[in-house]
């Protein structure tokens, strides 16, 4: 695992970290665990604001974060700005959606509604893929294991050109760990993320559990190719 593909590290921007000190501690922990790239994916809620307004706010928040880190003498890793785009009906009609792709890539992080599956969700994903020619990165797929039945999950897993992101928290559970390992071993294109919102105590445990559950299965080797393709914008 070389990159954290899902985090909320812009202070006071969404429901993530509340100050630069939290972000600095997060960066230090990731560095300790060999993470070299960070994807800052703040929540974007389509019905709340236009894409242009979100991008403007994000730019200002990031500039402030970098300035404060530099003034404190903190090293700054490679941070790429993106968004965790909440799926809503009709979202594929927004022609500015590609602007929310992670910087330097043609990948957009999509968050499915945290509720029972409905067919329109899959329709919107397909519309995004074919209309904009971009790749959906489905956020924290592990959270839907208990919501979707096997048939519904299979439909989500069958999306052409999609990549699937799992939270490190999933490896606290033996059953979800086994399920993720089975999916990746079967060829599912996957990457990992902390979905960090500010809780350092939990984050440290997540890395420990991830290492313990995946080391013998060589999961890092299995996902390395997908990670590299996303990092280099080569999907």
Protein backbone atom coordinates (compact mmCIF):
# COMPACT_ATOMS: atom_id res chain seq x y z
CA UNK A 1 0.00 0.00 0.00
CA UNK A 2 1.70 3.17 -1.24
CA UNK A 3 -1.21 5.58 -1.22
CA UNK A 4 -4.19 6.55 0.89
CA UNK A 5 -6.93 6.83 -1.71
CA UNK A 6 -9.59 8.26 0.61
CA UNK A 7 -9.15 10.90 3.31
CA UNK A 8 -10.70 14.05 4.75
CA UNK A 9 -7.66 16.13 5.71
CA UNK A 10 -8.62 19.70 4.82
CA UNK A 11 -9.25 21.43 8.19
CA UNK A 12 -12.80 22.65 8.79
CA UNK A 13 -13.87 21.80 5.25
CA UNK A 14 -16.32 18.98 5.82
CA UNK A 15 -16.80 16.54 8.69
CA UNK A 16 -13.10 15.65 8.67
CA UNK A 17 -10.16 17.13 10.59
CA UNK A 18 -10.73 20.32 12.55
CA UNK A 19 -7.22 21.78 12.52
CA UNK A 20 -3.81 21.55 10.88
CA UNK A 21 -2.35 19.75 13.89
CA UNK A 22 -4.60 16.76 13.20
CA UNK A 23 -3.52 16.70 9.58
CA UNK A 24 0.15 16.87 10.57
CA UNK A 25 -0.21 13.87 12.90
CA UNK A 26 -2.00 11.96 10.15
CA UNK A 27 0.80 12.71 7.66
CA UNK A 28 3.41 11.55 10.17
CA UNK A 29 1.58 8.27 10.77
CA UNK A 30 1.22 7.59 7.06
CA UNK A 31 4.91 8.28 6.51
CA UNK A 32 5.72 5.82 9.29
CA UNK A 33 3.64 3.21 7.46
CA UNK A 34 5.29 3.78 4.09
CA UNK A 35 2.50 5.80 2.48
CA UNK A 36 3.90 8.25 -0.08
CA UNK A 37 0.74 9.62 -1.73
CA UNK A 38 -2.39 11.09 -0.19
CA UNK A 39 -5.71 11.62 -1.94
CA UNK A 40 -7.69 14.38 -0.24
CA UNK A 41 -11.31 13.50 -0.99
CA UNK A 42 -13.58 15.94 0.78
CA UNK A 43 -17.32 15.31 0.64
CA UNK A 44 -19.13 16.81 -2.33
CA UNK A 45 -22.93 16.85 -2.00
CA UNK A 46 -24.39 17.76 -5.42
CA UNK A 47 -27.62 19.35 -4.24
CA UNK A 48 -25.81 21.64 -1.80
CA UNK A 49 -23.47 23.60 -4.06
CA UNK A 50 -22.25 23.92 -7.65
CA UNK A 51 -19.04 22.13 -8.62
CA UNK A 52 -17.25 25.44 -9.27
CA UNK A 53 -18.02 26.69 -5.75
CA UNK A 54 -16.74 23.47 -4.21
CA UNK A 55 -13.50 23.64 -6.19
CA UNK A 56 -12.95 27.26 -5.15
CA UNK A 57 -13.50 26.44 -1.46
CA UNK A 58 -11.22 23.42 -1.74
CA UNK A 59 -8.43 25.44 -3.36
CA UNK A 60 -8.55 28.01 -0.55
CA UNK A 61 -8.61 25.34 2.18
CA UNK A 62 -5.68 23.50 0.65
CA UNK A 63 -3.61 26.67 0.25
CA UNK A 64 -4.23 27.51 3.89
CA UNK A 65 -3.25 23.99 4.99
CA UNK A 66 0.02 24.06 3.03
CA UNK A 67 0.87 27.51 4.36
CA UNK A 68 0.33 26.45 7.96
CA UNK A 69 2.27 23.19 7.54
CA UNK A 70 5.19 25.07 5.99
CA UNK A 71 5.18 27.70 8.72
CA UNK A 72 5.41 24.90 11.30
CA UNK A 73 8.31 23.35 9.45
CA UNK A 74 6.34 20.21 8.55
CA UNK A 75 7.23 18.18 5.48
CA UNK A 76 4.47 17.96 2.91
CA UNK A 77 3.94 14.69 1.01
CA UNK A 78 2.33 14.46 -2.41
CA UNK A 79 -1.30 15.39 -1.87
CA UNK A 80 -3.76 15.17 -4.73
CA UNK A 81 -7.10 16.90 -4.47
CA UNK A 82 -10.30 15.13 -5.37
CA UNK A 83 -13.74 14.67 -3.91
CA UNK A 84 -15.95 11.99 -2.43
CA UNK A 85 -18.96 12.55 -4.65
CA UNK A 86 -22.25 11.54 -3.12
CA UNK A 87 -24.42 9.66 -5.59
CA UNK A 88 -27.78 11.27 -6.28
CA UNK A 89 -30.39 10.72 -8.97
CA UNK A 90 -29.47 12.69 -12.08
CA UNK A 91 -25.86 13.31 -11.07
CA UNK A 92 -24.66 12.06 -14.46
CA UNK A 93 -26.38 15.05 -16.07
CA UNK A 94 -23.91 17.43 -14.42
CA UNK A 95 -21.43 18.24 -17.19
CA UNK A 96 -18.87 19.55 -14.68
CA UNK A 97 -18.61 16.23 -12.88
CA UNK A 98 -15.23 15.37 -14.50
CA UNK A 99 -13.72 18.41 -12.73
CA UNK A 100 -14.04 16.40 -9.52
CA UNK A 101 -11.71 13.65 -10.71
CA UNK A 102 -8.64 13.18 -8.56
CA UNK A 103 -5.89 15.48 -9.81
CA UNK A 104 -3.79 13.97 -12.55
CA UNK A 105 -6.19 11.09 -13.13
CA UNK A 106 -9.40 10.19 -14.92
CA UNK A 107 -10.73 8.62 -11.72
CA UNK A 108 -13.63 9.94 -9.64
CA UNK A 109 -14.43 8.72 -6.13
CA UNK A 110 -18.15 7.93 -5.86
CA UNK A 111 -19.99 7.29 -2.61
CA UNK A 112 -23.10 5.17 -2.94
CA UNK A 113 -26.00 6.11 -0.65
CA UNK A 114 -25.72 4.28 2.65
CA UNK A 115 -29.08 2.56 2.33
CA UNK A 116 -30.80 -0.31 0.55
CA UNK A 117 -29.76 -0.77 -3.06
CA UNK A 118 -31.90 0.75 -5.82
CA UNK A 119 -31.44 0.18 -9.59
CA UNK A 120 -30.92 3.89 -10.34
CA UNK A 121 -27.60 3.80 -8.49
CA UNK A 122 -26.08 1.40 -11.01
CA UNK A 123 -27.67 3.32 -13.90
CA UNK A 124 -26.02 6.56 -12.76
CA UNK A 125 -22.61 4.88 -12.50
CA UNK A 126 -22.92 3.49 -16.03
CA UNK A 127 -24.06 6.87 -17.34
CA UNK A 128 -20.98 8.51 -15.80
CA UNK A 129 -18.67 5.89 -17.31
CA UNK A 130 -20.03 6.12 -20.83
CA UNK A 131 -20.84 9.83 -20.96
CA UNK A 132 -17.59 11.19 -19.54
CA UNK A 133 -15.17 8.33 -20.26
CA UNK A 134 -13.92 8.43 -16.68
CA UNK A 135 -13.33 5.63 -14.22
CA UNK A 136 -15.45 5.33 -11.07
CA UNK A 137 -13.65 4.52 -7.85
CA UNK A 138 -16.37 3.11 -5.59
CA UNK A 139 -15.75 4.35 -2.04
CA UNK A 140 -15.53 2.05 0.99
CA UNK A 141 -17.21 -0.93 -0.66
CA UNK A 142 -16.88 -2.89 2.58
CA UNK A 143 -19.60 -0.75 4.18
CA UNK A 144 -22.19 -2.19 1.81
CA UNK A 145 -21.49 -5.84 2.62
CA UNK A 146 -24.26 -5.78 5.23
CA UNK A 147 -26.69 -3.68 3.17
CA UNK A 148 -26.69 -5.26 -0.30
CA UNK A 149 -27.56 -8.86 -1.01
CA UNK A 150 -25.16 -10.97 -3.07
CA UNK A 151 -26.96 -10.27 -6.34
CA UNK A 152 -26.94 -6.50 -5.80
CA UNK A 153 -23.30 -6.48 -4.78
CA UNK A 154 -22.43 -8.52 -7.85
CA UNK A 155 -24.02 -5.86 -10.05
CA UNK A 156 -21.90 -3.14 -8.47
CA UNK A 157 -18.81 -5.31 -8.83
CA UNK A 158 -19.46 -5.85 -12.52
CA UNK A 159 -19.15 -2.19 -13.58
CA UNK A 160 -16.79 -1.90 -16.51
CA UNK A 161 -13.69 0.26 -15.89
CA UNK A 162 -14.44 0.61 -12.17
CA UNK A 163 -11.96 0.37 -9.29
CA UNK A 164 -13.07 -0.47 -5.76
CA UNK A 165 -11.77 1.13 -2.58
CA UNK A 166 -11.80 -0.61 0.78
CA UNK A 167 -11.31 1.12 4.13
CA UNK A 168 -8.61 -0.20 6.42
CA UNK A 169 -11.25 -0.39 9.15
CA UNK A 170 -12.71 -3.42 7.34
CA UNK A 171 -9.73 -5.48 8.47
CA UNK A 172 -10.80 -5.26 12.09
CA UNK A 173 -13.31 -8.00 11.24
CA UNK A 174 -12.11 -11.45 10.31
CA UNK A 175 -15.16 -12.10 8.12
CA UNK A 176 -14.90 -8.87 6.11
CA UNK A 177 -11.13 -9.35 5.80
CA UNK A 178 -11.67 -12.78 4.31
CA UNK A 179 -14.28 -11.46 1.92
CA UNK A 180 -12.05 -8.63 0.69
CA UNK A 181 -9.06 -10.94 0.30
CA UNK A 182 -11.20 -13.38 -1.66
CA UNK A 183 -12.43 -10.64 -4.00
CA UNK A 184 -8.94 -9.26 -4.63
CA UNK A 185 -7.49 -12.74 -5.08
CA UNK A 186 -10.18 -13.27 -7.72
CA UNK A 187 -8.92 -10.30 -9.70
CA UNK A 188 -11.01 -7.39 -8.42
CA UNK A 189 -9.19 -4.08 -9.16
CA UNK A 190 -8.89 -2.57 -5.70
CA UNK A 191 -7.10 0.08 -3.65
CA UNK A 192 -7.20 1.01 0.01
CA UNK A 193 -7.91 4.14 2.02
CA UNK A 194 -8.08 5.28 5.61
CA UNK A 195 -11.17 7.46 5.17
CA UNK A 196 -9.43 9.50 7.86
CA UNK A 197 -11.66 12.04 9.62
CA UNK A 198 -9.46 12.95 12.57
CA UNK A 199 -9.34 10.00 15.00
CA UNK A 200 -5.66 9.11 15.39
CA UNK A 201 -6.18 6.31 17.94
CA UNK A 202 -8.37 4.33 15.55
CA UNK A 203 -6.12 4.99 12.58
CA UNK A 204 -3.10 3.44 14.25
CA UNK A 205 -5.08 0.30 15.02
CA UNK A 206 -6.36 0.15 11.42
CA UNK A 207 -2.81 -0.08 10.06
CA UNK A 208 -1.91 -2.79 12.56
CA UNK A 209 -4.95 -4.91 11.67
CA UNK A 210 -4.43 -4.37 7.94
CA UNK A 211 -0.84 -5.57 8.15
CA UNK A 212 -1.77 -8.55 10.31
CA UNK A 213 -4.65 -9.72 8.13
CA UNK A 214 -3.08 -9.22 4.70
CA UNK A 215 0.63 -9.92 5.05
CA UNK A 216 0.45 -13.68 4.52
CA UNK A 217 -1.89 -13.24 1.55
CA UNK A 218 0.39 -10.84 -0.37
CA UNK A 219 -2.54 -8.48 -0.93
CA UNK A 220 -0.21 -5.51 -1.33
CA UNK A 221 1.40 -7.23 -4.31
CA UNK A 222 -1.99 -8.00 -5.84
CA UNK A 223 -3.14 -4.39 -5.66
CA UNK A 224 0.16 -2.76 -6.62
CA UNK A 225 -0.60 -2.72 -10.34
CA UNK A 226 -3.99 -1.06 -9.83
CA UNK A 227 -2.50 1.47 -7.41
CA UNK A 228 0.19 2.39 -9.89
CA UNK A 229 -2.26 2.80 -12.76
CA UNK A 230 -4.42 5.16 -10.69
CA UNK A 231 -1.39 7.12 -9.43
CA UNK A 232 -0.05 7.57 -12.95
CA UNK A 233 -3.44 8.32 -14.49
CA UNK A 234 -3.12 5.34 -16.81
CA UNK A 235 -6.48 3.62 -16.38
